[in-house]
N, C-alpha and C. Protein backbone atom coordinates (compact mmCIF):
# COMPACT_ATOMS: atom_id res chain seq x y z
N MET A 1 -37.64 -96.53 -12.56
CA MET A 1 -36.35 -95.89 -12.72
C MET A 1 -36.45 -94.47 -12.17
N TYR A 2 -35.38 -94.00 -11.60
CA TYR A 2 -35.33 -92.70 -10.96
C TYR A 2 -35.18 -91.59 -12.01
N ASP A 3 -35.99 -90.55 -11.92
CA ASP A 3 -35.95 -89.48 -12.92
C ASP A 3 -35.35 -88.17 -12.41
N GLY A 4 -34.95 -88.10 -11.15
CA GLY A 4 -34.33 -86.89 -10.60
C GLY A 4 -35.29 -85.85 -10.10
N SER A 5 -36.58 -86.12 -10.12
CA SER A 5 -37.56 -85.12 -9.70
C SER A 5 -37.53 -84.85 -8.19
N ASP A 6 -36.97 -85.75 -7.41
CA ASP A 6 -36.92 -85.58 -5.96
C ASP A 6 -35.69 -84.79 -5.50
N ILE A 7 -34.78 -84.49 -6.40
CA ILE A 7 -33.54 -83.80 -6.01
C ILE A 7 -33.81 -82.45 -5.35
N PRO A 8 -34.70 -81.60 -5.85
CA PRO A 8 -34.96 -80.32 -5.15
C PRO A 8 -35.46 -80.53 -3.72
N MET A 9 -36.34 -81.51 -3.53
CA MET A 9 -36.84 -81.80 -2.18
C MET A 9 -35.70 -82.29 -1.29
N LEU A 10 -34.84 -83.15 -1.82
CA LEU A 10 -33.72 -83.67 -1.04
C LEU A 10 -32.73 -82.55 -0.71
N MET A 11 -32.53 -81.63 -1.62
CA MET A 11 -31.66 -80.48 -1.35
C MET A 11 -32.25 -79.59 -0.26
N HIS A 12 -33.55 -79.40 -0.29
CA HIS A 12 -34.24 -78.62 0.74
C HIS A 12 -34.11 -79.32 2.10
N ASN A 13 -34.28 -80.64 2.12
CA ASN A 13 -34.15 -81.39 3.38
C ASN A 13 -32.73 -81.26 3.94
N LEU A 14 -31.73 -81.33 3.07
CA LEU A 14 -30.35 -81.20 3.52
C LEU A 14 -30.10 -79.79 4.07
N HIS A 15 -30.63 -78.80 3.41
CA HIS A 15 -30.49 -77.42 3.89
C HIS A 15 -31.12 -77.25 5.27
N ASP A 16 -32.32 -77.78 5.45
CA ASP A 16 -32.98 -77.70 6.76
C ASP A 16 -32.18 -78.43 7.83
N ALA A 17 -31.64 -79.59 7.47
CA ALA A 17 -30.84 -80.36 8.42
C ALA A 17 -29.56 -79.61 8.79
N GLU A 18 -28.95 -78.92 7.82
CA GLU A 18 -27.75 -78.12 8.10
C GLU A 18 -28.06 -76.98 9.07
N ILE A 19 -29.19 -76.34 8.88
CA ILE A 19 -29.58 -75.23 9.76
C ILE A 19 -29.81 -75.74 11.18
N ALA A 20 -30.51 -76.87 11.31
CA ALA A 20 -30.78 -77.44 12.64
C ALA A 20 -29.48 -77.88 13.32
N LEU A 21 -28.59 -78.49 12.55
CA LEU A 21 -27.31 -78.93 13.12
C LEU A 21 -26.47 -77.74 13.55
N ASP A 22 -26.45 -76.71 12.75
CA ASP A 22 -25.69 -75.51 13.08
C ASP A 22 -26.23 -74.85 14.35
N ALA A 23 -27.54 -74.81 14.47
CA ALA A 23 -28.17 -74.18 15.64
C ALA A 23 -27.80 -74.90 16.94
N ILE A 24 -27.81 -76.21 16.91
CA ILE A 24 -27.52 -76.97 18.14
C ILE A 24 -26.02 -77.10 18.37
N SER A 25 -25.21 -76.97 17.33
CA SER A 25 -23.75 -77.11 17.47
C SER A 25 -23.16 -76.02 18.36
N GLN A 26 -23.76 -74.87 18.36
CA GLN A 26 -23.25 -73.77 19.18
C GLN A 26 -23.35 -74.09 20.67
N ASP A 27 -24.37 -74.83 21.05
CA ASP A 27 -24.56 -75.18 22.46
C ASP A 27 -23.84 -76.46 22.86
N THR A 28 -23.43 -77.25 21.88
CA THR A 28 -22.83 -78.55 22.17
C THR A 28 -21.49 -78.42 22.89
N ALA A 29 -20.65 -77.51 22.45
CA ALA A 29 -19.35 -77.34 23.10
C ALA A 29 -19.51 -76.95 24.57
N THR A 30 -20.45 -76.07 24.84
CA THR A 30 -20.71 -75.67 26.22
C THR A 30 -21.24 -76.85 27.03
N ALA A 31 -22.08 -77.66 26.42
CA ALA A 31 -22.63 -78.82 27.11
C ALA A 31 -21.54 -79.83 27.47
N ILE A 32 -20.61 -80.04 26.56
CA ILE A 32 -19.50 -80.97 26.83
C ILE A 32 -18.64 -80.44 27.98
N LYS A 33 -18.35 -79.14 27.98
CA LYS A 33 -17.58 -78.54 29.07
C LYS A 33 -18.32 -78.66 30.39
N THR A 34 -19.63 -78.45 30.34
CA THR A 34 -20.44 -78.55 31.56
C THR A 34 -20.40 -79.96 32.13
N GLN A 35 -20.49 -80.96 31.26
CA GLN A 35 -20.42 -82.34 31.74
C GLN A 35 -19.07 -82.65 32.38
N LYS A 36 -18.00 -82.20 31.75
CA LYS A 36 -16.66 -82.44 32.31
C LYS A 36 -16.52 -81.74 33.65
N PHE A 37 -17.02 -80.52 33.73
CA PHE A 37 -16.95 -79.78 34.99
C PHE A 37 -17.75 -80.48 36.08
N ALA A 38 -18.97 -80.88 35.76
CA ALA A 38 -19.82 -81.54 36.75
C ALA A 38 -19.21 -82.86 37.21
N SER A 39 -18.63 -83.61 36.30
CA SER A 39 -18.01 -84.89 36.66
C SER A 39 -16.83 -84.68 37.59
N GLY A 40 -15.99 -83.70 37.28
CA GLY A 40 -14.83 -83.42 38.12
C GLY A 40 -15.20 -82.79 39.44
N SER A 41 -16.24 -82.02 39.45
CA SER A 41 -16.64 -81.31 40.67
C SER A 41 -17.31 -82.21 41.69
N GLU A 42 -17.88 -83.31 41.24
CA GLU A 42 -18.56 -84.19 42.18
C GLU A 42 -17.59 -84.77 43.20
N THR A 43 -16.41 -85.16 42.76
CA THR A 43 -15.40 -85.69 43.68
C THR A 43 -14.93 -84.61 44.64
N ALA A 44 -14.70 -83.40 44.12
CA ALA A 44 -14.27 -82.29 44.97
C ALA A 44 -15.35 -81.93 46.00
N LEU A 45 -16.59 -81.99 45.55
CA LEU A 45 -17.71 -81.68 46.46
C LEU A 45 -17.78 -82.70 47.60
N LYS A 46 -17.65 -83.97 47.24
CA LYS A 46 -17.68 -85.01 48.27
C LYS A 46 -16.53 -84.83 49.24
N SER A 47 -15.35 -84.52 48.72
CA SER A 47 -14.18 -84.30 49.58
C SER A 47 -14.38 -83.13 50.53
N LYS A 48 -15.03 -82.09 50.04
CA LYS A 48 -15.30 -80.91 50.86
C LYS A 48 -16.12 -81.27 52.09
N TYR A 49 -17.14 -82.07 51.91
CA TYR A 49 -18.01 -82.43 53.04
C TYR A 49 -17.39 -83.51 53.93
N ILE A 50 -16.60 -84.38 53.35
CA ILE A 50 -15.89 -85.37 54.17
C ILE A 50 -14.85 -84.65 55.04
N ALA A 51 -14.13 -83.69 54.44
CA ALA A 51 -13.11 -82.94 55.19
C ALA A 51 -13.73 -82.19 56.37
N LYS A 52 -14.93 -81.70 56.17
CA LYS A 52 -15.63 -80.97 57.24
C LYS A 52 -15.78 -81.87 58.47
N PHE A 53 -16.15 -83.10 58.26
CA PHE A 53 -16.34 -84.02 59.40
C PHE A 53 -15.03 -84.59 59.91
N LEU A 54 -14.03 -84.68 59.04
CA LEU A 54 -12.70 -85.11 59.51
C LEU A 54 -12.12 -84.07 60.47
N LYS A 55 -12.34 -82.78 60.14
CA LYS A 55 -11.85 -81.71 61.01
C LYS A 55 -12.53 -81.71 62.37
N GLU A 56 -13.74 -82.24 62.40
CA GLU A 56 -14.47 -82.34 63.67
C GLU A 56 -14.00 -83.53 64.50
N GLY A 57 -13.10 -84.35 63.95
CA GLY A 57 -12.52 -85.45 64.71
C GLY A 57 -13.10 -86.82 64.39
N HIS A 58 -13.96 -86.94 63.41
CA HIS A 58 -14.51 -88.24 63.03
C HIS A 58 -13.49 -89.05 62.25
N ARG A 59 -13.62 -90.35 62.35
CA ARG A 59 -12.78 -91.23 61.52
C ARG A 59 -13.25 -91.12 60.07
N PHE A 60 -12.40 -91.58 59.13
CA PHE A 60 -12.70 -91.41 57.72
C PHE A 60 -14.02 -92.08 57.33
N ASP A 61 -14.26 -93.31 57.78
CA ASP A 61 -15.48 -94.01 57.39
C ASP A 61 -16.74 -93.27 57.85
N SER A 62 -16.73 -92.83 59.10
CA SER A 62 -17.91 -92.11 59.60
C SER A 62 -18.00 -90.73 58.96
N ALA A 63 -16.86 -90.07 58.71
CA ALA A 63 -16.86 -88.76 58.06
C ALA A 63 -17.44 -88.88 56.65
N LYS A 64 -17.12 -89.97 55.98
CA LYS A 64 -17.66 -90.19 54.63
C LYS A 64 -19.17 -90.35 54.67
N VAL A 65 -19.66 -91.13 55.62
CA VAL A 65 -21.10 -91.34 55.76
C VAL A 65 -21.80 -90.03 56.12
N TYR A 66 -21.26 -89.30 57.08
CA TYR A 66 -21.86 -88.02 57.48
C TYR A 66 -21.82 -87.01 56.33
N GLY A 67 -20.69 -86.96 55.66
CA GLY A 67 -20.54 -86.02 54.55
C GLY A 67 -21.53 -86.29 53.42
N GLU A 68 -21.70 -87.56 53.06
CA GLU A 68 -22.62 -87.92 51.98
C GLU A 68 -24.08 -87.77 52.38
N SER A 69 -24.36 -87.78 53.67
CA SER A 69 -25.74 -87.64 54.11
C SER A 69 -26.08 -86.20 54.51
N ASP A 70 -25.13 -85.31 54.42
CA ASP A 70 -25.36 -83.90 54.75
C ASP A 70 -26.34 -83.30 53.74
N ALA A 71 -27.32 -82.56 54.23
CA ALA A 71 -28.35 -81.97 53.36
C ALA A 71 -27.75 -80.95 52.38
N ALA A 72 -26.76 -80.19 52.82
CA ALA A 72 -26.12 -79.21 51.94
C ALA A 72 -25.38 -79.92 50.80
N TYR A 73 -24.74 -81.05 51.11
CA TYR A 73 -24.06 -81.85 50.08
C TYR A 73 -25.06 -82.33 49.04
N GLU A 74 -26.18 -82.84 49.52
CA GLU A 74 -27.22 -83.34 48.61
C GLU A 74 -27.73 -82.24 47.69
N GLU A 75 -27.93 -81.03 48.23
CA GLU A 75 -28.41 -79.91 47.42
C GLU A 75 -27.39 -79.54 46.34
N GLU A 76 -26.13 -79.43 46.74
CA GLU A 76 -25.09 -79.08 45.75
C GLU A 76 -24.94 -80.19 44.71
N ARG A 77 -25.04 -81.42 45.14
CA ARG A 77 -24.93 -82.55 44.21
C ARG A 77 -26.10 -82.56 43.23
N LYS A 78 -27.29 -82.25 43.71
CA LYS A 78 -28.45 -82.17 42.82
C LYS A 78 -28.27 -81.09 41.76
N MET A 79 -27.69 -79.96 42.16
CA MET A 79 -27.42 -78.89 41.19
C MET A 79 -26.43 -79.36 40.13
N LEU A 80 -25.38 -80.04 40.57
CA LEU A 80 -24.40 -80.55 39.60
C LEU A 80 -25.02 -81.58 38.67
N MET A 81 -25.81 -82.47 39.22
CA MET A 81 -26.44 -83.51 38.40
C MET A 81 -27.47 -82.91 37.45
N GLY A 82 -28.15 -81.87 37.89
CA GLY A 82 -29.10 -81.18 37.01
C GLY A 82 -28.39 -80.56 35.82
N ALA A 83 -27.24 -79.93 36.08
CA ALA A 83 -26.45 -79.34 34.99
C ALA A 83 -25.95 -80.43 34.06
N PHE A 84 -25.53 -81.56 34.63
CA PHE A 84 -25.03 -82.68 33.82
C PHE A 84 -26.14 -83.23 32.93
N GLU A 85 -27.33 -83.41 33.48
CA GLU A 85 -28.45 -83.95 32.71
C GLU A 85 -28.92 -82.99 31.62
N THR A 86 -28.93 -81.70 31.91
CA THR A 86 -29.29 -80.71 30.89
C THR A 86 -28.28 -80.75 29.75
N ALA A 87 -27.01 -80.84 30.09
CA ALA A 87 -25.96 -80.92 29.07
C ALA A 87 -26.11 -82.20 28.25
N GLU A 88 -26.47 -83.29 28.89
CA GLU A 88 -26.65 -84.55 28.18
C GLU A 88 -27.79 -84.46 27.16
N LYS A 89 -28.84 -83.76 27.51
CA LYS A 89 -29.96 -83.57 26.57
C LYS A 89 -29.50 -82.79 25.34
N VAL A 90 -28.68 -81.77 25.54
CA VAL A 90 -28.16 -80.98 24.41
C VAL A 90 -27.28 -81.86 23.53
N ILE A 91 -26.44 -82.66 24.14
CA ILE A 91 -25.55 -83.55 23.38
C ILE A 91 -26.36 -84.57 22.58
N GLN A 92 -27.41 -85.11 23.18
CA GLN A 92 -28.25 -86.07 22.47
C GLN A 92 -29.00 -85.41 21.31
N LYS A 93 -29.45 -84.17 21.50
CA LYS A 93 -30.11 -83.44 20.41
C LYS A 93 -29.12 -83.21 19.27
N HIS A 94 -27.87 -82.92 19.61
CA HIS A 94 -26.84 -82.73 18.59
C HIS A 94 -26.62 -84.03 17.82
N LYS A 95 -26.55 -85.13 18.52
CA LYS A 95 -26.36 -86.42 17.85
C LYS A 95 -27.52 -86.73 16.91
N GLN A 96 -28.73 -86.45 17.35
CA GLN A 96 -29.90 -86.68 16.50
C GLN A 96 -29.87 -85.76 15.27
N ALA A 97 -29.50 -84.50 15.47
CA ALA A 97 -29.42 -83.56 14.35
C ALA A 97 -28.34 -83.99 13.36
N TYR A 98 -27.24 -84.51 13.89
CA TYR A 98 -26.17 -84.98 13.01
C TYR A 98 -26.62 -86.18 12.18
N VAL A 99 -27.32 -87.10 12.82
CA VAL A 99 -27.82 -88.28 12.08
C VAL A 99 -28.80 -87.84 11.00
N HIS A 100 -29.66 -86.89 11.33
CA HIS A 100 -30.62 -86.38 10.35
C HIS A 100 -29.88 -85.73 9.17
N TRP A 101 -28.86 -84.92 9.47
CA TRP A 101 -28.07 -84.27 8.43
C TRP A 101 -27.34 -85.30 7.57
N ASP A 102 -26.73 -86.29 8.22
CA ASP A 102 -25.97 -87.30 7.49
C ASP A 102 -26.89 -88.13 6.59
N THR A 103 -28.08 -88.42 7.07
CA THR A 103 -29.05 -89.16 6.27
C THR A 103 -29.48 -88.34 5.05
N ALA A 104 -29.77 -87.06 5.28
CA ALA A 104 -30.18 -86.19 4.17
C ALA A 104 -29.06 -86.06 3.14
N ARG A 105 -27.83 -85.95 3.61
CA ARG A 105 -26.68 -85.84 2.72
C ARG A 105 -26.52 -87.12 1.89
N SER A 106 -26.66 -88.27 2.55
CA SER A 106 -26.52 -89.55 1.85
C SER A 106 -27.62 -89.74 0.81
N LEU A 107 -28.85 -89.39 1.16
CA LEU A 107 -29.96 -89.54 0.21
C LEU A 107 -29.76 -88.65 -1.02
N LEU A 108 -29.31 -87.43 -0.79
CA LEU A 108 -29.06 -86.52 -1.91
C LEU A 108 -27.91 -87.05 -2.78
N SER A 109 -26.89 -87.54 -2.15
CA SER A 109 -25.76 -88.09 -2.90
C SER A 109 -26.18 -89.27 -3.76
N MET A 110 -26.96 -90.17 -3.16
CA MET A 110 -27.44 -91.34 -3.93
C MET A 110 -28.32 -90.90 -5.08
N ALA A 111 -29.17 -89.93 -4.86
CA ALA A 111 -30.07 -89.45 -5.91
C ALA A 111 -29.27 -88.83 -7.06
N LYS A 112 -28.25 -88.08 -6.73
CA LYS A 112 -27.43 -87.46 -7.77
C LYS A 112 -26.64 -88.51 -8.56
N GLN A 113 -26.26 -89.58 -7.90
CA GLN A 113 -25.54 -90.65 -8.60
C GLN A 113 -26.48 -91.40 -9.53
N GLN A 114 -27.72 -91.57 -9.13
CA GLN A 114 -28.67 -92.34 -9.94
C GLN A 114 -29.26 -91.51 -11.07
N PHE A 115 -29.28 -90.20 -10.92
CA PHE A 115 -29.92 -89.36 -11.92
C PHE A 115 -29.30 -89.48 -13.31
N PRO A 116 -28.00 -89.41 -13.49
CA PRO A 116 -27.44 -89.54 -14.84
C PRO A 116 -27.77 -90.89 -15.48
N VAL A 117 -27.79 -91.95 -14.68
CA VAL A 117 -28.14 -93.27 -15.21
C VAL A 117 -29.58 -93.27 -15.69
N ALA A 118 -30.47 -92.71 -14.89
CA ALA A 118 -31.88 -92.66 -15.28
C ALA A 118 -32.06 -91.79 -16.51
N TYR A 119 -31.36 -90.68 -16.57
CA TYR A 119 -31.47 -89.78 -17.72
C TYR A 119 -30.97 -90.46 -19.00
N GLY A 120 -29.84 -91.15 -18.87
CA GLY A 120 -29.30 -91.86 -20.02
C GLY A 120 -30.21 -92.98 -20.48
N PHE A 121 -30.87 -93.66 -19.55
CA PHE A 121 -31.76 -94.76 -19.91
C PHE A 121 -32.99 -94.22 -20.66
N THR A 122 -33.58 -93.12 -20.17
CA THR A 122 -34.78 -92.58 -20.83
C THR A 122 -34.44 -91.99 -22.19
N LYS A 123 -33.22 -91.48 -22.32
CA LYS A 123 -32.82 -90.89 -23.58
C LYS A 123 -32.69 -91.96 -24.68
N GLN A 124 -32.28 -93.16 -24.28
CA GLN A 124 -32.09 -94.24 -25.24
C GLN A 124 -33.36 -95.09 -25.43
N PHE A 125 -34.35 -94.86 -24.59
CA PHE A 125 -35.55 -95.69 -24.65
C PHE A 125 -36.33 -95.39 -25.94
N GLN A 126 -36.68 -96.43 -26.67
CA GLN A 126 -37.32 -96.29 -27.97
C GLN A 126 -38.83 -96.06 -27.87
N GLY A 127 -39.45 -96.43 -26.73
CA GLY A 127 -40.89 -96.38 -26.66
C GLY A 127 -41.40 -95.11 -26.23
C-alpha cells in the first residue's frame, strides 16, 4: 500500500521538469517561425534561380534544371535546410520536455490521490 513517502521526490521531479520545459519554451516559438520561413523561402529561392535562366532566354524546363543545379542555389538551399533542421531539433526537445513534465505531473497527481486512501487504511489497521 502506498504511504505517501514518494510525494516530495515526485514534487521535486515536477519542479525540475517545469524548469526544463520553461527553458526550452522560449526558443520553441522562434524555431516554429524559422521553420515556416525556411519552408516558404525555398519556393522563392527556386523561383529566383529559375527566373535568372528564363531571362537569359532558356525555356522553362531547361531553366528549372539549370536553376536547381546552380551552385549558388545549392548553397542558399543548404543554409535554409540547416536552419530548418536546427529548428526541428529545438521543437523535438520541447516535445520531449513536455512529455517529461506531463509524466511527472501525472505521477504526482496519482500519488496524491492514493495517499489519503493509504493513510485511511493504515489508520484503521488493527495490527
